[in-house]
Amino acid sequence: MAVQEETGPVLVTVYCDECGIEETHDYLVPAGQDSLAVARRHLNMNLGWETGARADLCPACLPTPAATNTESTREV
């Protein structure tokens, strides 16, 4: 955990746990906050990443919702 002692810019890289793609950006991290948490929040809110304690996934690696089969519910 990289908690900032002072507010300032920090270069942070987040890797997709599935495909390994990286997103590297400068973030303005407020004092007392974790720089990785700031980066994850930005990627989640602005670039469509799924981030969290279990895994960081880029938009291309996100699981797709199960398709609903409407034909199976029709009566013949």
Protein backbone atom coordinates (compact mmCIF):
# COMPACT_ATOMS: atom_id res chain seq x y z
CA MET A 1 0.00 0.00 0.00
CA ALA A 2 1.44 3.36 -1.03
CA VAL A 3 -0.19 5.98 1.18
CA GLN A 4 0.81 9.52 0.27
CA GLU A 5 2.30 11.72 2.98
CA GLU A 6 1.76 14.87 0.90
CA THR A 7 -0.63 15.72 -1.91
CA GLY A 8 1.16 15.35 -5.21
CA PRO A 9 1.38 13.67 -8.59
CA VAL A 10 2.19 9.96 -8.65
CA LEU A 11 2.83 7.70 -11.65
CA VAL A 12 0.80 4.50 -11.15
CA THR A 13 0.48 1.40 -13.34
CA VAL A 14 -2.46 -0.97 -13.02
CA TYR A 15 -2.27 -4.35 -14.77
CA CYS A 16 -5.21 -6.41 -16.02
CA ASP A 17 -5.07 -9.68 -14.10
CA GLU A 18 -6.48 -11.56 -17.10
CA CYS A 19 -4.52 -10.36 -20.18
CA GLY A 20 -1.69 -8.33 -18.62
CA ILE A 21 -2.41 -5.05 -20.43
CA GLU A 22 -1.23 -2.05 -18.42
CA GLU A 23 -2.63 1.42 -17.86
CA THR A 24 -0.06 3.93 -16.64
CA HIS A 25 -1.05 7.47 -15.75
CA ASP A 26 -0.08 10.33 -13.46
CA TYR A 27 -2.61 10.83 -10.69
CA LEU A 28 -2.94 13.68 -8.23
CA VAL A 29 -3.11 11.74 -4.98
CA PRO A 30 -4.33 13.57 -1.88
CA ALA A 31 -2.35 13.24 1.34
CA GLY A 32 -3.38 10.20 3.35
CA GLN A 33 -4.79 8.28 0.38
CA ASP A 34 -3.51 5.13 -1.29
CA SER A 35 -2.21 5.88 -4.81
CA LEU A 36 -3.36 2.49 -6.16
CA ALA A 37 -6.89 3.08 -4.84
CA VAL A 38 -6.97 6.47 -6.59
CA ALA A 39 -5.80 4.86 -9.86
CA ARG A 40 -8.31 2.01 -9.61
CA ARG A 41 -11.17 4.41 -8.93
CA HIS A 42 -10.21 6.47 -12.00
CA LEU A 43 -9.99 3.40 -14.25
CA ASN A 44 -13.32 2.09 -13.00
CA MET A 45 -15.21 5.35 -13.35
CA ASN A 46 -13.65 6.65 -16.58
CA LEU A 47 -12.25 3.75 -18.61
CA GLY A 48 -14.62 0.87 -17.85
CA TRP A 49 -12.28 -1.29 -15.78
CA GLU A 50 -13.59 -3.64 -13.10
CA THR A 51 -11.34 -3.09 -10.11
CA GLY A 52 -11.33 -4.47 -6.63
CA ALA A 53 -9.69 -6.65 -4.03
CA ARG A 54 -10.06 -9.85 -6.07
CA ALA A 55 -8.89 -8.68 -9.52
CA ASP A 56 -8.36 -5.77 -11.87
CA LEU A 57 -9.92 -6.43 -15.29
CA CYS A 58 -9.74 -4.26 -18.40
CA PRO A 59 -12.94 -3.75 -20.41
CA ALA A 60 -11.91 -6.43 -22.95
CA CYS A 61 -11.58 -9.07 -20.21
CA LEU A 62 -14.79 -8.38 -18.32
CA PRO A 63 -17.11 -11.37 -18.18
CA THR A 64 -20.15 -10.95 -20.38
CA PRO A 65 -23.55 -11.39 -18.77
CA ALA A 66 -25.21 -14.70 -19.54
CA ALA A 67 -27.41 -14.41 -22.58
CA THR A 68 -31.05 -15.00 -21.87
CA ASN A 69 -32.62 -17.62 -24.05
CA THR A 70 -36.13 -16.33 -24.70
CA GLU A 71 -36.98 -19.18 -27.06
CA SER A 72 -36.74 -21.76 -24.30
CA THR A 73 -39.57 -20.04 -22.43
CA ARG A 74 -41.95 -20.05 -25.40
CA GLU A 75 -44.68 -22.62 -25.53
CA VAL A 76 -44.88 -24.78 -28.62
